[in-house]
N, C-alpha and C. Protein backbone atom coordinates (compact mmCIF):
# COMPACT_ATOMS: atom_id res chain seq x y z
N UNK A 1 0.74 -1.22 0.02
CA UNK A 1 0.00 0.20 -0.03
C UNK A 1 0.75 0.96 0.04
N UNK A 2 0.58 2.53 -0.93
CA UNK A 2 1.17 3.49 -0.98
C UNK A 2 1.46 4.42 -0.11
N UNK A 3 2.74 4.70 1.14
CA UNK A 3 2.15 5.46 1.72
C UNK A 3 3.14 6.82 1.68
N UNK A 4 2.20 7.81 2.32
CA UNK A 4 3.03 9.60 2.12
C UNK A 4 4.02 9.19 3.57
N UNK A 5 5.41 9.51 2.92
CA UNK A 5 6.54 9.84 3.32
C UNK A 5 6.76 11.19 3.87
N UNK A 6 7.30 11.96 4.68
CA UNK A 6 7.77 13.40 5.14
C UNK A 6 9.40 13.25 5.73
N UNK A 7 9.92 14.35 5.25
CA UNK A 7 10.85 14.43 5.63
C UNK A 7 11.75 15.78 6.13
N UNK A 8 12.22 16.27 6.62
CA UNK A 8 12.91 17.55 6.70
C UNK A 8 13.73 17.55 8.21
N UNK A 9 14.51 19.01 7.72
CA UNK A 9 15.72 19.34 8.33
C UNK A 9 15.25 20.49 9.72
N UNK A 10 15.15 20.16 11.14
CA UNK A 10 14.79 21.09 11.86
C UNK A 10 15.77 21.86 12.81
N UNK A 11 15.97 22.77 13.61
CA UNK A 11 17.02 23.33 14.64
C UNK A 11 16.14 23.17 15.69
N UNK A 12 17.12 22.86 16.84
CA UNK A 12 17.07 22.41 18.23
C UNK A 12 15.29 23.08 18.72
N UNK A 13 15.76 24.58 18.15
CA UNK A 13 14.40 25.10 18.89
C UNK A 13 13.20 25.44 17.71
N UNK A 14 13.23 24.08 17.01
CA UNK A 14 11.98 23.87 15.93
C UNK A 14 11.67 24.62 15.04
N UNK A 15 12.62 25.11 14.41
CA UNK A 15 12.02 26.29 13.30
C UNK A 15 13.54 25.21 11.93
N UNK A 16 12.54 25.11 10.74
CA UNK A 16 12.55 24.35 9.50
C UNK A 16 12.92 25.37 8.65
N UNK A 17 12.92 26.79 8.85
CA UNK A 17 13.78 27.65 7.80
C UNK A 17 13.64 28.84 8.72
N UNK A 18 14.54 29.94 8.20
CA UNK A 18 14.89 31.13 9.00
C UNK A 18 14.08 32.40 8.46
N UNK A 19 14.32 33.25 8.92
CA UNK A 19 13.45 34.45 8.75
C UNK A 19 13.64 35.39 7.67
N UNK A 20 13.16 35.90 7.69
CA UNK A 20 13.03 36.55 5.83
C UNK A 20 13.37 35.98 4.87
N UNK A 21 12.50 34.82 4.89
CA UNK A 21 12.61 33.88 3.26
C UNK A 21 12.34 34.73 2.03
N UNK A 22 12.98 34.70 0.99
CA UNK A 22 12.52 35.39 -0.30
C UNK A 22 13.16 34.50 -1.55
N UNK A 23 12.87 35.23 -2.59
CA UNK A 23 13.03 34.64 -4.25
C UNK A 23 14.71 34.10 -3.90
N UNK A 24 15.22 35.07 -3.28
CA UNK A 24 16.71 35.31 -3.24
C UNK A 24 17.71 34.57 -2.07
N UNK A 25 16.74 34.21 -1.43
CA UNK A 25 16.95 33.45 -0.04
C UNK A 25 15.52 32.38 0.51
N UNK A 26 15.94 31.14 0.11
CA UNK A 26 14.26 30.93 -0.08
C UNK A 26 14.39 30.01 1.31
N UNK A 27 15.28 29.69 1.88
CA UNK A 27 15.46 29.16 3.41
C UNK A 27 15.56 29.82 4.47
N UNK A 28 15.71 31.24 3.96
CA UNK A 28 15.57 32.51 5.06
C UNK A 28 17.31 32.57 5.72
N UNK A 29 17.13 33.47 6.93
CA UNK A 29 18.73 33.83 6.96
C UNK A 29 18.88 32.52 8.02
N UNK A 30 19.79 32.14 7.49
CA UNK A 30 20.56 30.93 8.78
C UNK A 30 19.94 29.64 8.21
N UNK A 31 18.68 29.42 7.09
CA UNK A 31 17.93 28.00 7.01
C UNK A 31 19.24 27.11 6.47
N UNK A 32 19.98 27.83 5.58
CA UNK A 32 21.35 26.23 4.73
C UNK A 32 21.80 25.91 5.63
N UNK A 33 21.99 26.35 7.24
CA UNK A 33 22.72 25.55 8.49
C UNK A 33 22.27 24.70 8.57
N UNK A 34 20.51 24.55 8.25
CA UNK A 34 19.82 23.36 8.62
C UNK A 34 20.22 22.05 7.96
N UNK A 35 20.82 22.46 7.09
CA UNK A 35 21.12 21.52 5.40
C UNK A 35 22.59 21.06 5.50
N UNK A 36 23.47 21.44 6.18
CA UNK A 36 24.52 21.48 6.32
C UNK A 36 25.62 19.95 6.46
N UNK A 37 24.71 19.32 7.31
CA UNK A 37 24.89 17.67 7.22
C UNK A 37 25.19 17.17 6.45
N UNK A 38 23.58 17.16 5.36
CA UNK A 38 23.93 16.61 4.18
C UNK A 38 24.96 16.63 2.97
N UNK A 39 25.25 18.10 2.96
CA UNK A 39 25.73 18.43 2.01
C UNK A 39 27.39 17.05 1.52
N UNK A 40 27.93 17.10 2.30
CA UNK A 40 29.37 16.57 2.37
C UNK A 40 29.48 15.45 1.96
N UNK A 41 27.63 14.49 2.35
CA UNK A 41 27.45 13.13 1.79
C UNK A 41 28.14 12.52 0.59
N UNK A 42 28.12 11.19 0.12
CA UNK A 42 28.82 10.65 -1.22
C UNK A 42 27.45 10.53 -1.89
N UNK A 43 26.43 9.92 -1.06
CA UNK A 43 25.01 9.78 -1.99
C UNK A 43 24.31 11.01 -2.66
N UNK A 44 24.42 12.05 -1.48
CA UNK A 44 23.96 13.63 -1.83
C UNK A 44 24.68 14.06 -3.45
N UNK A 45 26.15 13.99 -2.84
CA UNK A 45 27.06 14.49 -4.03
C UNK A 45 26.81 13.99 -5.66
N UNK A 46 26.40 12.24 -5.65
CA UNK A 46 26.43 11.69 -6.91
C UNK A 46 24.82 11.77 -7.63
N UNK A 47 23.76 12.23 -6.65
CA UNK A 47 22.35 12.84 -7.42
C UNK A 47 22.61 14.46 -8.18
N UNK A 48 23.49 14.99 -7.54
CA UNK A 48 23.93 16.07 -8.17
C UNK A 48 25.00 16.16 -9.35
N UNK A 49 25.61 14.98 -9.87
CA UNK A 49 26.87 15.01 -10.51
C UNK A 49 27.89 15.80 -9.63
N UNK A 50 28.08 15.12 -9.10
CA UNK A 50 29.35 15.83 -8.16
C UNK A 50 30.20 14.40 -7.65
N UNK A 51 31.41 14.50 -7.80
CA UNK A 51 32.43 13.17 -7.57
C UNK A 51 32.66 13.76 -6.25
N UNK A 52 33.13 12.46 -5.43
CA UNK A 52 33.57 11.97 -3.90
C UNK A 52 32.72 12.29 -2.63
N UNK A 53 32.79 12.49 -1.54
CA UNK A 53 32.43 13.24 -0.82
C UNK A 53 32.36 11.53 0.78
N UNK A 54 31.28 11.62 1.46
CA UNK A 54 31.86 11.04 2.81
C UNK A 54 30.74 10.49 2.55
N UNK A 55 30.81 8.93 3.51
CA UNK A 55 29.63 7.89 3.83
C UNK A 55 29.95 7.91 5.49
N UNK A 56 28.72 8.16 6.03
CA UNK A 56 28.27 8.07 7.72
C UNK A 56 27.17 7.46 7.61
N UNK A 57 26.89 7.51 8.91
CA UNK A 57 25.62 7.17 9.83
C UNK A 57 24.34 7.90 8.70
N UNK A 58 24.68 9.01 8.51
CA UNK A 58 23.32 9.96 7.89
C UNK A 58 23.06 9.44 6.14
N UNK A 59 24.25 8.47 5.56
CA UNK A 59 24.37 8.36 4.04
C UNK A 59 22.49 7.40 4.54
N UNK A 60 22.69 6.66 4.72
CA UNK A 60 21.28 5.32 4.94
C UNK A 60 20.17 6.13 5.01
N UNK A 61 20.07 7.16 5.77
CA UNK A 61 19.11 7.75 5.99
C UNK A 61 18.42 8.76 4.84
N UNK A 62 19.78 9.29 3.65
CA UNK A 62 19.36 9.80 2.47
C UNK A 62 19.02 9.23 1.53
N UNK A 63 19.97 7.93 1.53
CA UNK A 63 19.63 7.04 0.81
C UNK A 63 17.84 6.48 0.40
N UNK A 64 17.96 5.81 2.04
CA UNK A 64 16.50 5.93 2.55
C UNK A 64 15.15 6.19 1.67
N UNK A 65 15.52 8.01 1.72
CA UNK A 65 14.67 8.82 1.57
C UNK A 65 13.91 8.86 -0.44
N UNK A 66 15.02 8.23 -1.21
CA UNK A 66 14.86 8.26 -2.50
C UNK A 66 14.27 6.62 -2.61
N UNK A 67 14.40 5.95 -2.01
CA UNK A 67 13.39 4.35 -1.99
C UNK A 67 12.55 4.52 -2.32
N UNK A 68 11.97 3.22 -3.26
CA UNK A 68 10.37 3.36 -3.63
C UNK A 68 10.07 4.05 -3.36
N UNK A 69 10.38 5.98 -3.91
CA UNK A 69 9.31 7.13 -4.27
C UNK A 69 9.39 6.89 -5.56
N UNK A 70 7.78 7.31 -6.12
CA UNK A 70 6.84 7.36 -7.07
C UNK A 70 6.43 8.61 -7.61
N UNK A 71 6.59 9.51 -6.49
CA UNK A 71 5.45 10.58 -6.84
C UNK A 71 6.14 11.60 -5.42
N UNK A 72 5.69 12.87 -5.81
CA UNK A 72 6.86 14.20 -4.94
C UNK A 72 5.14 14.81 -4.52
N UNK A 73 5.61 15.18 -3.85
CA UNK A 73 3.99 16.50 -3.36
C UNK A 73 5.32 17.80 -2.67
N UNK A 74 4.37 19.28 -3.31
CA UNK A 74 5.31 20.05 -2.30
C UNK A 74 4.60 21.23 -2.88
N UNK A 75 4.63 22.30 -1.61
CA UNK A 75 3.86 23.33 -1.26
C UNK A 75 4.76 24.40 -2.50
N UNK A 76 4.09 25.10 -2.82
CA UNK A 76 3.80 26.74 -3.66
C UNK A 76 5.80 27.40 -3.42
N UNK A 77 5.73 27.49 -2.09
CA UNK A 77 7.35 28.22 -1.78
C UNK A 77 8.15 26.65 -2.13
N UNK A 78 8.07 25.66 -1.79
CA UNK A 78 9.06 24.85 -2.02
C UNK A 78 9.50 24.81 -3.79
N UNK A 79 8.25 24.83 -4.53
CA UNK A 79 8.74 24.96 -6.11
C UNK A 79 9.33 25.78 -6.22
N UNK A 80 8.83 27.14 -6.03
CA UNK A 80 9.66 28.72 -6.62
C UNK A 80 8.40 29.91 -5.35
N UNK A 81 9.39 30.29 -4.36
CA UNK A 81 8.55 31.15 -3.52
C UNK A 81 8.14 32.64 -3.85
N UNK A 82 8.04 33.22 -4.59
CA UNK A 82 6.94 34.41 -4.57
C UNK A 82 5.65 34.02 -5.26
N UNK A 83 5.18 34.72 -4.12
CA UNK A 83 3.65 34.34 -4.03
C UNK A 83 3.08 34.99 -5.34
N UNK A 84 1.55 34.60 -5.12
CA UNK A 84 0.54 35.31 -6.25
C UNK A 84 0.51 34.60 -7.70
N UNK A 85 -0.34 35.69 -8.48
CA UNK A 85 -0.91 34.49 -10.09
C UNK A 85 0.64 34.58 -10.46
N UNK A 86 0.67 33.01 -11.17
CA UNK A 86 2.16 32.87 -12.31
C UNK A 86 1.90 34.01 -13.26
N UNK A 87 3.26 34.09 -13.80
CA UNK A 87 3.27 34.96 -15.17
C UNK A 87 2.88 34.03 -16.26
N UNK A 88 1.78 34.38 -17.01
CA UNK A 88 1.73 33.47 -18.13
C UNK A 88 2.61 33.95 -19.00
N UNK A 89 2.78 35.22 -19.49
CA UNK A 89 4.12 35.38 -20.37
C UNK A 89 5.15 34.42 -20.32
N UNK A 90 5.92 34.37 -19.03
CA UNK A 90 7.22 33.75 -18.79
C UNK A 90 6.90 33.06 -17.48
N UNK A 91 6.40 32.01 -17.32
CA UNK A 91 6.15 30.90 -15.74
C UNK A 91 7.90 31.01 -15.64
N UNK A 92 8.01 30.99 -14.48
CA UNK A 92 9.44 30.58 -13.61
C UNK A 92 9.01 29.26 -13.47
N UNK A 93 10.37 28.60 -13.55
CA UNK A 93 10.74 27.16 -13.51
C UNK A 93 11.12 26.27 -12.52
N UNK A 94 11.00 27.32 -11.49
CA UNK A 94 11.46 27.17 -9.72
C UNK A 94 12.64 27.15 -9.38
N UNK A 95 12.75 26.55 -8.23
CA UNK A 95 14.07 26.42 -7.85
C UNK A 95 14.91 25.56 -8.60
N UNK A 96 14.79 24.85 -8.95
CA UNK A 96 15.75 23.47 -9.28
C UNK A 96 16.44 23.14 -10.61
N UNK A 97 16.02 24.10 -11.47
CA UNK A 97 17.08 24.27 -13.00
C UNK A 97 16.18 23.46 -13.87
N UNK A 98 17.03 22.91 -15.22
CA UNK A 98 16.58 22.63 -15.93
C UNK A 98 16.23 21.05 -15.76
N UNK A 99 17.22 20.41 -14.54
CA UNK A 99 17.63 19.03 -13.88
C UNK A 99 17.15 18.78 -12.66
N UNK A 100 15.55 19.18 -12.42
CA UNK A 100 15.60 18.87 -10.83
C UNK A 100 15.46 17.51 -10.56
N UNK A 101 16.07 17.22 -8.99
CA UNK A 101 16.51 15.91 -8.35
C UNK A 101 15.61 14.64 -8.21
N UNK A 102 14.42 14.97 -8.49
CA UNK A 102 13.23 14.49 -8.16
C UNK A 102 13.16 13.16 -9.18
N UNK A 103 13.05 13.11 -10.55
CA UNK A 103 13.05 12.08 -11.67
C UNK A 103 11.88 11.33 -11.20
N UNK A 104 10.40 12.21 -10.46
CA UNK A 104 9.19 11.17 -10.79
C UNK A 104 8.47 12.67 -10.81
N UNK A 105 7.07 12.39 -10.83
CA UNK A 105 6.29 13.42 -11.03
C UNK A 105 5.85 13.86 -9.95
N UNK A 106 5.81 15.61 -10.06
CA UNK A 106 5.58 16.34 -8.71
C UNK A 106 4.31 17.18 -8.92
N UNK A 107 3.61 16.94 -7.76
CA UNK A 107 2.64 17.87 -7.69
C UNK A 107 2.87 19.00 -6.83
N UNK A 108 2.26 20.12 -7.44
CA UNK A 108 2.31 21.49 -6.67
C UNK A 108 1.39 22.03 -6.04
N UNK A 109 1.47 22.19 -4.48
CA UNK A 109 -0.09 23.04 -4.23
C UNK A 109 0.02 24.12 -4.22
N UNK A 110 -1.48 24.77 -4.99
CA UNK A 110 -0.91 26.36 -5.31
C UNK A 110 -2.61 26.50 -5.17
N UNK A 111 -2.49 28.02 -4.74
CA UNK A 111 -4.02 28.72 -5.63
C UNK A 111 -4.23 28.96 -6.65
N UNK A 112 -3.48 28.99 -7.50
CA UNK A 112 -2.83 29.72 -9.02
C UNK A 112 -3.06 28.36 -10.06
N UNK A 113 -3.80 28.56 -11.07
CA UNK A 113 -3.80 27.14 -12.05
C UNK A 113 -2.84 27.84 -12.72
N UNK A 114 -2.00 27.00 -13.24
CA UNK A 114 -1.21 26.41 -14.28
C UNK A 114 -0.78 25.27 -15.18
N UNK A 115 -0.26 25.47 -16.37
CA UNK A 115 -0.18 24.43 -17.19
C UNK A 115 0.72 23.56 -16.81
N UNK A 116 1.39 22.45 -17.15
CA UNK A 116 1.98 21.30 -16.33
C UNK A 116 3.17 21.78 -17.14
N UNK A 117 4.38 21.44 -16.08
CA UNK A 117 5.92 21.76 -16.61
C UNK A 117 6.47 20.62 -16.24
N UNK A 118 7.41 20.04 -17.50
CA UNK A 118 7.85 19.00 -18.19
C UNK A 118 9.03 19.54 -18.20
N UNK A 119 10.11 18.43 -17.81
CA UNK A 119 11.44 18.97 -18.05
C UNK A 119 12.07 17.55 -18.08
N UNK A 120 13.53 17.50 -17.85
CA UNK A 120 14.48 16.29 -18.40
C UNK A 120 14.26 15.62 -17.22
N UNK A 121 14.63 13.80 -17.76
CA UNK A 121 14.68 12.71 -16.64
C UNK A 121 13.69 12.63 -15.99
N UNK A 122 12.28 12.76 -16.87
CA UNK A 122 11.33 11.85 -15.74
C UNK A 122 10.89 13.34 -14.63
N UNK A 123 11.37 14.18 -14.97
CA UNK A 123 10.74 15.52 -14.11
C UNK A 123 9.80 16.17 -14.77
N UNK A 124 8.77 16.27 -13.64
CA UNK A 124 7.08 16.56 -14.60
C UNK A 124 6.41 17.75 -12.97
N UNK A 125 5.94 18.68 -13.26
CA UNK A 125 5.55 19.21 -12.54
C UNK A 125 3.72 19.84 -12.56
N UNK A 126 2.74 19.04 -11.75
CA UNK A 126 1.38 19.61 -11.75
C UNK A 126 0.84 20.41 -11.10
N UNK A 127 0.27 21.33 -11.07
CA UNK A 127 -0.28 22.38 -10.56
C UNK A 127 -1.61 22.23 -9.62
N UNK A 128 -1.80 21.50 -8.47
CA UNK A 128 -2.87 21.53 -7.82
C UNK A 128 -3.57 22.21 -7.38
N UNK A 129 -4.69 22.68 -7.87
CA UNK A 129 -5.51 23.88 -6.91
C UNK A 129 -6.59 23.79 -5.99
N UNK A 130 -7.15 22.24 -6.16
CA UNK A 130 -7.80 21.68 -5.56
C UNK A 130 -7.73 21.47 -3.93
N UNK A 131 -6.59 21.52 -3.27
CA UNK A 131 -6.27 21.02 -2.15
C UNK A 131 -5.27 20.17 -1.62
N UNK A 132 -5.12 19.84 -0.66
CA UNK A 132 -4.24 18.59 0.22
C UNK A 132 -4.64 17.64 -0.24
N UNK A 133 -5.90 16.67 -0.18
CA UNK A 133 -6.54 15.32 -0.38
C UNK A 133 -6.40 15.15 -1.83
N UNK A 134 -6.65 16.37 -2.62
CA UNK A 134 -6.30 15.96 -4.21
C UNK A 134 -5.37 15.99 -4.64
N UNK A 135 -4.23 16.80 -4.45
CA UNK A 135 -2.77 16.20 -4.36
C UNK A 135 -2.35 15.15 -3.81
N UNK A 136 -2.56 14.29 -2.82
CA UNK A 136 -2.33 12.90 -2.54
C UNK A 136 -2.49 12.38 -3.65
N UNK A 137 -4.09 12.11 -3.46
CA UNK A 137 -4.85 11.44 -4.95
C UNK A 137 -4.12 11.33 -5.94
N UNK A 138 -3.92 12.90 -6.32
CA UNK A 138 -3.23 12.49 -7.88
C UNK A 138 -2.19 11.95 -7.65
N UNK A 139 -1.06 12.07 -6.50
CA UNK A 139 -0.01 11.50 -6.77
C UNK A 139 0.22 10.30 -6.53
N UNK A 140 -0.80 9.84 -5.71
CA UNK A 140 -0.71 8.39 -5.22
C UNK A 140 -0.71 7.35 -6.92
N UNK A 141 -1.92 7.74 -7.35
CA UNK A 141 -2.32 7.31 -8.64
C UNK A 141 -1.16 7.67 -9.78
N UNK A 142 -0.31 8.41 -9.70
CA UNK A 142 1.27 8.53 -10.42
C UNK A 142 1.82 8.30 -10.03
N UNK A 143 2.16 7.68 -8.88
CA UNK A 143 3.08 6.74 -7.92
C UNK A 143 3.34 5.31 -8.93
N UNK A 144 1.67 4.71 -8.57
CA UNK A 144 1.77 3.75 -9.41
C UNK A 144 1.94 2.60 -8.46
N UNK A 145 1.54 2.52 -6.87
CA UNK A 145 1.79 1.93 -5.96
C UNK A 145 3.08 1.88 -5.03
N UNK A 146 4.33 2.56 -6.15
CA UNK A 146 5.24 2.85 -4.60
C UNK A 146 4.63 4.27 -3.65
N UNK A 147 5.77 4.81 -3.26
CA UNK A 147 5.27 5.71 -2.09
C UNK A 147 5.51 6.82 -2.72
N UNK A 148 4.70 7.98 -1.88
CA UNK A 148 4.97 9.49 -2.25
C UNK A 148 5.68 9.96 -1.15
N UNK A 149 6.37 10.92 -1.72
CA UNK A 149 7.34 11.85 -0.87
C UNK A 149 6.66 12.96 -0.60
N UNK A 150 6.60 13.81 0.87
CA UNK A 150 6.40 14.79 1.16
C UNK A 150 6.94 16.00 0.89
N UNK A 151 7.45 16.89 0.04
CA UNK A 151 8.71 17.71 0.25
C UNK A 151 8.69 18.61 1.37
N UNK A 152 7.42 19.35 1.73
CA UNK A 152 7.19 20.94 2.27
C UNK A 152 7.09 21.49 1.40
N UNK A 153 6.99 22.81 1.50
CA UNK A 153 7.57 23.52 2.81
C UNK A 153 6.50 22.85 4.33
N UNK A 154 7.36 24.35 5.16
CA UNK A 154 6.20 23.92 6.86
C UNK A 154 4.76 24.00 6.96
N UNK A 155 4.21 24.98 5.70
CA UNK A 155 2.74 25.11 6.05
C UNK A 155 1.49 23.75 5.36
N UNK A 156 2.39 23.34 4.10
CA UNK A 156 1.97 21.84 3.71
C UNK A 156 2.17 20.71 4.36
N UNK A 157 3.03 20.27 4.84
CA UNK A 157 3.42 19.71 6.02
C UNK A 157 2.65 19.51 7.65
N UNK A 158 2.00 21.11 8.08
CA UNK A 158 1.23 20.95 8.95
C UNK A 158 -0.24 20.56 8.16
N UNK A 159 -0.17 21.00 7.04
CA UNK A 159 -1.83 20.25 6.93
C UNK A 159 -1.68 19.16 6.73
N UNK A 160 -0.98 18.52 6.04
CA UNK A 160 -1.05 16.57 6.15
C UNK A 160 -1.27 16.27 7.69
N UNK A 161 -0.24 16.81 8.92
CA UNK A 161 -0.30 16.46 9.77
C UNK A 161 -1.04 16.47 10.40
N UNK A 162 -2.37 17.81 10.39
CA UNK A 162 -3.63 17.83 11.10
C UNK A 162 -4.39 16.73 10.72
N UNK A 163 -4.71 16.78 9.37
CA UNK A 163 -5.49 15.68 9.12
C UNK A 163 -5.01 13.79 9.44
N UNK A 164 -4.22 13.93 9.69
CA UNK A 164 -3.89 12.38 9.75
C UNK A 164 -3.19 11.03 8.36
N UNK A 165 -2.57 12.27 7.67
CA UNK A 165 -2.16 11.68 6.36
C UNK A 165 -1.07 11.14 6.19
N UNK A 166 0.13 11.44 7.26
CA UNK A 166 1.54 11.46 6.87
C UNK A 166 1.79 9.51 7.68
N UNK A 167 2.70 9.21 6.57
CA UNK A 167 2.05 7.26 7.18
C UNK A 167 3.83 7.53 7.83
N UNK A 168 4.68 7.83 7.36
CA UNK A 168 6.31 7.87 7.84
C UNK A 168 6.77 9.35 7.93
N UNK A 169 7.16 9.72 8.92
CA UNK A 169 8.04 11.31 8.74
C UNK A 169 9.31 10.91 9.92
N UNK A 170 10.46 11.38 9.21
CA UNK A 170 11.88 11.51 9.89
C UNK A 170 11.92 13.18 9.81
N UNK A 171 12.69 13.59 10.82
CA UNK A 171 12.87 14.88 11.32
C UNK A 171 14.50 14.50 11.25
N UNK A 172 15.29 15.37 11.02
CA UNK A 172 16.63 15.29 11.42
C UNK A 172 17.17 16.46 11.90
N UNK A 173 17.37 16.64 13.21
CA UNK A 173 17.42 17.52 14.27
C UNK A 173 18.90 18.10 14.37
N UNK A 174 18.97 18.75 13.90
CA UNK A 174 20.04 19.80 13.85
C UNK A 174 20.87 20.72 14.87
N UNK A 175 21.94 20.26 15.82
CA UNK A 175 22.48 21.22 16.96
C UNK A 175 22.68 22.49 16.80
N UNK A 176 21.76 23.31 16.33
CA UNK A 176 21.55 24.89 16.32
C UNK A 176 20.58 25.30 16.57
N UNK A 177 20.43 27.06 16.95
CA UNK A 177 19.31 27.55 17.30
C UNK A 177 19.25 28.57 15.75
N UNK A 178 17.92 28.87 15.61
CA UNK A 178 18.15 29.87 14.37
C UNK A 178 16.92 31.53 15.38
N UNK A 179 16.65 30.82 16.39
CA UNK A 179 15.94 32.36 16.81
C UNK A 179 14.46 32.78 16.42
N UNK A 180 14.46 32.88 15.32
CA UNK A 180 12.83 32.94 14.68
C UNK A 180 12.73 32.60 13.28
N UNK A 181 11.95 32.36 12.44
CA UNK A 181 11.63 31.89 11.21
C UNK A 181 10.69 30.89 11.14
N UNK A 182 10.68 30.06 10.39
CA UNK A 182 9.21 29.28 10.14
C UNK A 182 9.23 28.04 11.07
N UNK A 183 8.06 27.78 11.94
CA UNK A 183 8.36 26.47 13.15
C UNK A 183 7.14 25.22 12.24
N UNK A 184 7.85 24.34 12.43
CA UNK A 184 6.99 22.82 11.68
C UNK A 184 6.00 22.88 12.32
N UNK A 185 5.94 22.55 13.59
CA UNK A 185 4.91 22.42 14.59
C UNK A 185 3.61 22.96 15.03
N UNK A 186 3.50 24.48 14.71
CA UNK A 186 2.69 25.43 15.31
C UNK A 186 0.96 24.60 14.34
N UNK A 187 0.46 25.00 15.33
CA UNK A 187 -1.00 24.71 15.12
C UNK A 187 -1.39 23.23 14.25
N UNK A 188 0.01 22.37 15.08
CA UNK A 188 -0.87 20.39 14.16
C UNK A 188 -1.54 19.98 15.38
N UNK A 189 -2.32 20.68 16.24
CA UNK A 189 -2.39 19.48 17.44
C UNK A 189 -1.52 19.37 18.60
N UNK A 190 -2.07 18.82 19.36
CA UNK A 190 -1.63 18.07 20.70
C UNK A 190 -0.48 17.00 20.90
N UNK A 191 -0.78 16.36 19.48
CA UNK A 191 0.42 15.37 19.46
C UNK A 191 0.53 14.64 18.08
N UNK A 192 0.90 13.70 17.16
CA UNK A 192 1.66 13.64 16.21
C UNK A 192 0.58 12.52 15.30
N UNK A 193 -0.33 12.71 15.49
CA UNK A 193 -1.65 12.22 14.96
C UNK A 193 -1.55 10.61 14.61
N UNK A 194 -1.07 9.81 15.97
CA UNK A 194 -0.84 8.40 15.96
C UNK A 194 0.37 8.20 15.07
N UNK A 195 1.58 8.50 15.24
CA UNK A 195 2.91 8.35 14.71
C UNK A 195 3.92 8.47 15.57
N UNK A 196 4.55 7.52 15.84
CA UNK A 196 5.58 6.76 16.86
C UNK A 196 7.00 6.60 17.02
N UNK A 197 8.01 7.41 17.58
CA UNK A 197 9.08 7.13 17.32
C UNK A 197 9.67 5.75 17.08
N UNK A 198 9.83 5.43 16.14
CA UNK A 198 10.20 4.00 15.93
C UNK A 198 11.54 3.85 15.92
N UNK A 199 12.69 4.75 15.42
CA UNK A 199 14.15 4.84 15.02
C UNK A 199 14.88 6.15 15.35
N UNK A 200 16.05 6.11 16.31
CA UNK A 200 17.17 7.06 16.75
C UNK A 200 18.09 7.07 15.69
N UNK A 201 19.14 7.57 15.14
CA UNK A 201 20.57 7.60 14.66
C UNK A 201 21.18 8.94 14.92
N UNK A 202 21.93 8.80 16.08
CA UNK A 202 22.60 9.80 16.48
C UNK A 202 24.03 10.37 15.71
N UNK A 203 24.21 11.07 14.87
CA UNK A 203 25.65 11.67 14.71
C UNK A 203 26.29 12.61 15.49
N UNK A 204 27.31 13.64 15.61
CA UNK A 204 27.72 14.34 15.51
C UNK A 204 27.13 15.75 15.75
N UNK A 205 26.73 15.69 13.56
CA UNK A 205 26.29 16.65 13.19
C UNK A 205 24.55 16.78 12.73
N UNK A 206 23.80 15.56 13.57
CA UNK A 206 22.36 15.52 13.22
C UNK A 206 22.05 14.48 13.97
N UNK A 207 20.57 14.84 14.29
CA UNK A 207 20.17 13.27 15.06
C UNK A 207 19.15 12.84 14.02
N UNK A 208 18.51 11.77 13.74
CA UNK A 208 17.45 11.40 12.64
C UNK A 208 16.52 10.88 13.44
N UNK A 209 15.56 11.13 13.94
CA UNK A 209 14.07 10.77 14.29
C UNK A 209 12.77 10.26 13.43
N UNK A 210 13.10 8.83 13.24
CA UNK A 210 11.67 8.38 12.55
C UNK A 210 10.88 8.33 13.13
N UNK A 211 9.50 8.49 12.34
CA UNK A 211 8.43 8.03 13.23
C UNK A 211 7.54 7.56 11.77
N UNK A 212 6.58 6.32 12.82
CA UNK A 212 6.10 5.79 11.87
C UNK A 212 4.20 5.61 12.24
N UNK A 213 3.76 5.19 11.36
CA UNK A 213 2.01 5.43 11.81
C UNK A 213 2.04 3.99 12.42
N UNK A 214 1.56 3.71 13.77
CA UNK A 214 0.99 2.69 14.79
C UNK A 214 0.13 1.74 14.31
N UNK A 215 0.61 0.50 14.16
CA UNK A 215 -0.39 -0.75 13.54
C UNK A 215 0.20 -0.64 11.91
């Protein structure tokens, strides 16, 4: 059965992006520090056509994140953060360039209609205006029995958490304090909607907490 799997890096004070996010600085001030643990890894560098890299306990976490994924869901900000209607004359292709790292169909949740975008190596973006449930339904069909990856950002993830639709979640807890920015767990309810901690992998730079739905 297809699962919805979510992963994200978070600071010790609960932020998944820094303050003042913009088109020029999509992760906000200091937000890039949340992901410094992944950049040296061989598995990450290989995905971006770069040689070399390290192999450590975090390598397994990154490798697992891409296994059995048949489709991806993300919010408008993760695709490309400028708000408002799309520029119909010259719509922006987002942060990801001509060859994004997904290589599966991607479903972007947005308030504004846009024609699908097809890029290299199996990357396609479908823009869904009917909400969270519609995006998940379309993604599961496209995934063909494989799992669906929820890429974020925080607002979209909170919506799926509130609805109890996330089956697995990995929080990569980074030992830094951002002080302000965007929190993941604001207004998500009093618990994790049936998600239980099933694995902890601790390294010097990050602690990976994996949660799964009970039963």
